[in-house]
């Protein structure tokens, strides 16, 4: 194993452990020492990967973006030309995964999002990580025939974020909707935004 691979694996372990700590203990529970202990690493290992708290948070944000990209798998979404049914199925399953098997990852994202509001230097990394999702969603609604893709992508993001927060940290945390229910909500949203476009696609 090369040094490069070993270093990368260690960085991923540190970042994954940091995400788990954020979900379990919140931002105050994230320290270099806590990461070392939770990951079973020798004391000082996390500092060797990310010397400062800012560096640790930046590493964690980048890892979060990579893992959420796999959860949502937006790059694997069906082509809108295949019809809205296939697209709704894929979007609903991706959202349901974020609410169930990846619930802790979603919770960690909220911790980092709030911290970014207090750290302008972290905000830069957080926004850059989120840009890939915004760009893909914008392309998605464009392919569906949206005449206002930027606005519609924002509406879709806001709907999904609202659902995730309500069911992970909000008043609906004990009532996680099924993939079928999420699909229905998405269909209603897309129909409201795109109207005749989605109606023609379903004929």
Protein backbone atom coordinates (compact mmCIF):
# COMPACT_ATOMS: atom_id res chain seq x y z
CA UNK A 1 0.00 0.00 0.00
CA UNK A 2 1.37 3.39 -0.97
CA UNK A 3 1.77 6.25 1.45
CA UNK A 4 -0.77 8.22 -0.57
CA UNK A 5 -3.42 5.49 -0.19
CA UNK A 6 -2.66 5.05 3.51
CA UNK A 7 -2.93 8.79 4.11
CA UNK A 8 -6.21 8.94 2.18
CA UNK A 9 -7.66 6.03 4.13
CA UNK A 10 -6.66 7.66 7.43
CA UNK A 11 -8.28 10.95 6.36
CA UNK A 12 -11.49 9.14 5.42
CA UNK A 13 -11.53 7.35 8.78
CA UNK A 14 -11.06 10.63 10.63
CA UNK A 15 -13.80 12.35 8.63
CA UNK A 16 -16.24 9.44 8.96
CA UNK A 17 -15.65 9.36 12.70
CA UNK A 18 -16.16 13.11 12.91
CA UNK A 19 -19.50 12.76 11.11
CA UNK A 20 -20.58 10.03 13.52
CA UNK A 21 -19.60 12.18 16.50
CA UNK A 22 -21.53 15.15 15.14
CA UNK A 23 -24.66 13.04 14.84
CA UNK A 24 -24.20 11.53 18.30
CA UNK A 25 -22.82 14.41 20.38
CA UNK A 26 -23.28 17.57 18.37
CA UNK A 27 -20.67 20.18 17.51
CA UNK A 28 -19.40 20.50 21.08
CA UNK A 29 -18.58 16.80 21.12
CA UNK A 30 -16.31 17.06 18.09
CA UNK A 31 -12.69 17.38 19.18
CA UNK A 32 -9.43 15.96 17.91
CA UNK A 33 -9.12 13.82 21.02
CA UNK A 34 -12.69 12.54 20.69
CA UNK A 35 -12.04 11.50 17.08
CA UNK A 36 -8.88 9.65 18.08
CA UNK A 37 -10.72 7.79 20.83
CA UNK A 38 -13.82 6.95 18.80
CA UNK A 39 -11.77 5.78 15.82
CA UNK A 40 -9.39 3.75 17.96
CA UNK A 41 -6.42 5.80 16.77
CA UNK A 42 -3.29 6.72 18.74
CA UNK A 43 -3.54 10.10 20.41
CA UNK A 44 -2.50 12.86 18.04
CA UNK A 45 -3.48 10.97 14.87
CA UNK A 46 -6.32 13.32 14.00
CA UNK A 47 -4.06 16.34 14.48
CA UNK A 48 -1.64 14.82 11.98
CA UNK A 49 -4.45 14.69 9.40
CA UNK A 50 -6.12 18.01 10.25
CA UNK A 51 -4.06 20.17 12.57
CA UNK A 52 -6.65 22.82 13.40
CA UNK A 53 -10.37 22.66 14.14
CA UNK A 54 -11.05 24.53 10.92
CA UNK A 55 -9.06 21.95 8.96
CA UNK A 56 -11.01 19.14 10.65
CA UNK A 57 -14.33 20.77 9.79
CA UNK A 58 -13.28 21.32 6.17
CA UNK A 59 -12.21 17.69 5.87
CA UNK A 60 -15.53 16.60 7.35
CA UNK A 61 -17.57 18.78 4.99
CA UNK A 62 -15.78 17.34 1.96
CA UNK A 63 -16.37 13.80 3.19
CA UNK A 64 -20.02 14.62 3.87
CA UNK A 65 -20.47 15.82 0.28
CA UNK A 66 -18.88 12.64 -1.10
CA UNK A 67 -21.04 10.37 1.03
CA UNK A 68 -24.26 12.27 0.37
CA UNK A 69 -23.52 12.15 -3.35
CA UNK A 70 -23.55 8.35 -3.08
CA UNK A 71 -26.74 8.36 -1.03
CA UNK A 72 -28.65 10.65 -3.39
CA UNK A 73 -26.95 9.30 -6.53
CA UNK A 74 -28.15 12.27 -8.57
CA UNK A 75 -25.69 11.40 -11.33
CA UNK A 76 -27.49 8.06 -11.75
CA UNK A 77 -30.97 9.57 -12.07
CA UNK A 78 -32.94 8.49 -15.16
CA UNK A 79 -32.93 10.81 -18.11
CA UNK A 80 -36.05 13.02 -17.88
CA UNK A 81 -36.88 11.87 -21.42
CA UNK A 82 -37.55 8.42 -19.96
CA UNK A 83 -40.63 9.84 -18.27
CA UNK A 84 -41.52 11.27 -14.92
CA UNK A 85 -42.47 7.92 -13.37
CA UNK A 86 -38.91 6.60 -13.43
CA UNK A 87 -37.56 9.91 -12.21
CA UNK A 88 -40.05 10.13 -9.34
CA UNK A 89 -39.18 6.56 -8.29
CA UNK A 90 -35.47 7.38 -8.19
CA UNK A 91 -35.89 10.68 -6.34
CA UNK A 92 -38.21 9.14 -3.77
CA UNK A 93 -35.88 6.23 -3.06
CA UNK A 94 -32.89 8.57 -2.70
CA UNK A 95 -34.77 10.80 -0.26
CA UNK A 96 -36.00 7.79 1.69
CA UNK A 97 -32.42 6.49 2.01
CA UNK A 98 -31.39 9.82 3.52
CA UNK A 99 -34.21 9.52 6.06
CA UNK A 100 -33.58 5.92 7.07
CA UNK A 101 -30.26 4.16 6.51
CA UNK A 102 -28.39 7.48 6.38
CA UNK A 103 -30.29 9.37 9.08
CA UNK A 104 -27.14 10.10 11.10
CA UNK A 105 -25.41 11.53 8.03
CA UNK A 106 -28.33 13.89 7.50
CA UNK A 107 -28.20 14.94 11.15
CA UNK A 108 -24.46 15.63 10.87
CA UNK A 109 -25.15 17.86 7.87
CA UNK A 110 -27.42 20.06 9.95
CA UNK A 111 -24.72 20.42 12.60
CA UNK A 112 -22.22 21.50 9.96
CA UNK A 113 -24.71 23.83 8.26
CA UNK A 114 -25.35 25.68 11.52
CA UNK A 115 -21.64 25.90 12.27
CA UNK A 116 -21.06 27.35 8.79
CA UNK A 117 -23.37 30.25 9.65
CA UNK A 118 -20.88 31.25 12.38
CA UNK A 119 -17.67 30.52 10.45
CA UNK A 120 -17.39 32.39 7.13
CA UNK A 121 -14.32 30.36 6.23
CA UNK A 122 -16.32 27.13 6.63
CA UNK A 123 -19.26 28.58 4.73
CA UNK A 124 -17.07 28.74 1.62
CA UNK A 125 -16.39 25.00 1.79
CA UNK A 126 -19.96 24.12 2.69
CA UNK A 127 -21.43 26.12 -0.19
CA UNK A 128 -18.92 24.71 -2.67
CA UNK A 129 -19.79 21.18 -1.58
CA UNK A 130 -23.48 21.88 -2.06
CA UNK A 131 -23.02 23.43 -5.49
CA UNK A 132 -22.79 20.04 -7.17
CA UNK A 133 -26.27 19.14 -5.93
CA UNK A 134 -27.76 22.47 -6.99
CA UNK A 135 -26.23 22.18 -10.45
CA UNK A 136 -27.53 18.63 -10.93
CA UNK A 137 -31.02 19.54 -9.75
CA UNK A 138 -31.06 22.54 -12.06
CA UNK A 139 -30.10 20.32 -14.98
CA UNK A 140 -32.77 17.84 -13.90
CA UNK A 141 -35.67 20.30 -13.92
CA UNK A 142 -34.34 21.83 -17.14
CA UNK A 143 -34.60 18.40 -18.73
CA UNK A 144 -38.18 18.16 -17.50
CA UNK A 145 -39.03 21.30 -19.43
CA UNK A 146 -38.86 23.92 -16.70
CA UNK A 147 -39.04 27.50 -17.91
CA UNK A 148 -37.50 28.75 -14.62
CA UNK A 149 -34.96 26.05 -13.70
CA UNK A 150 -33.09 28.03 -11.04
CA UNK A 151 -36.29 28.86 -9.17
CA UNK A 152 -37.69 25.37 -9.54
CA UNK A 153 -34.44 23.79 -8.35
CA UNK A 154 -34.62 26.00 -5.27
CA UNK A 155 -38.23 24.92 -4.63
CA UNK A 156 -37.30 21.26 -4.98
CA UNK A 157 -34.32 21.66 -2.66
CA UNK A 158 -36.38 23.55 -0.10
CA UNK A 159 -39.08 20.87 -0.16
CA UNK A 160 -36.58 18.06 0.31
CA UNK A 161 -34.63 19.90 3.01
CA UNK A 162 -37.84 20.69 4.85
CA UNK A 163 -38.95 17.07 4.75
CA UNK A 164 -35.54 15.83 5.89
CA UNK A 165 -35.33 18.26 8.78
CA UNK A 166 -38.89 17.61 9.95
CA UNK A 167 -38.38 13.84 9.94
CA UNK A 168 -34.83 13.78 11.33
CA UNK A 169 -34.77 16.61 13.86
CA UNK A 170 -38.22 18.18 13.81
CA UNK A 171 -41.69 17.35 15.04
CA UNK A 172 -42.10 14.43 12.61
CA UNK A 173 -38.96 12.60 13.74
CA UNK A 174 -41.05 9.60 14.85
CA UNK A 175 -43.11 9.54 11.63
CA UNK A 176 -40.79 8.81 8.74
CA UNK A 177 -42.82 8.68 5.51
CA UNK A 178 -42.60 5.71 3.19
CA UNK A 179 -40.92 5.94 -0.18
CA UNK A 180 -44.40 5.82 -1.72
CA UNK A 181 -45.56 8.81 0.33
CA UNK A 182 -42.41 10.74 -0.58
CA UNK A 183 -43.03 9.93 -4.24
CA UNK A 184 -46.57 11.30 -3.98
CA UNK A 185 -45.28 14.53 -2.44
CA UNK A 186 -42.66 14.91 -5.14
CA UNK A 187 -45.21 14.29 -7.87
CA UNK A 188 -47.49 16.97 -6.43
CA UNK A 189 -44.59 19.40 -6.23
CA UNK A 190 -43.35 18.75 -9.76
CA UNK A 191 -46.86 18.92 -11.15
CA UNK A 192 -47.37 22.25 -9.40
CA UNK A 193 -44.12 23.63 -10.82
CA UNK A 194 -44.23 22.15 -14.30
CA UNK A 195 -47.94 21.61 -14.80
CA UNK A 196 -48.69 20.75 -18.39
CA UNK A 197 -45.17 19.44 -18.98
CA UNK A 198 -45.50 16.60 -16.46
CA UNK A 199 -49.09 15.95 -17.48
CA UNK A 200 -48.04 15.41 -21.11
CA UNK A 201 -45.16 13.17 -20.02
CA UNK A 202 -47.52 10.90 -18.11
CA UNK A 203 -50.02 10.49 -20.97
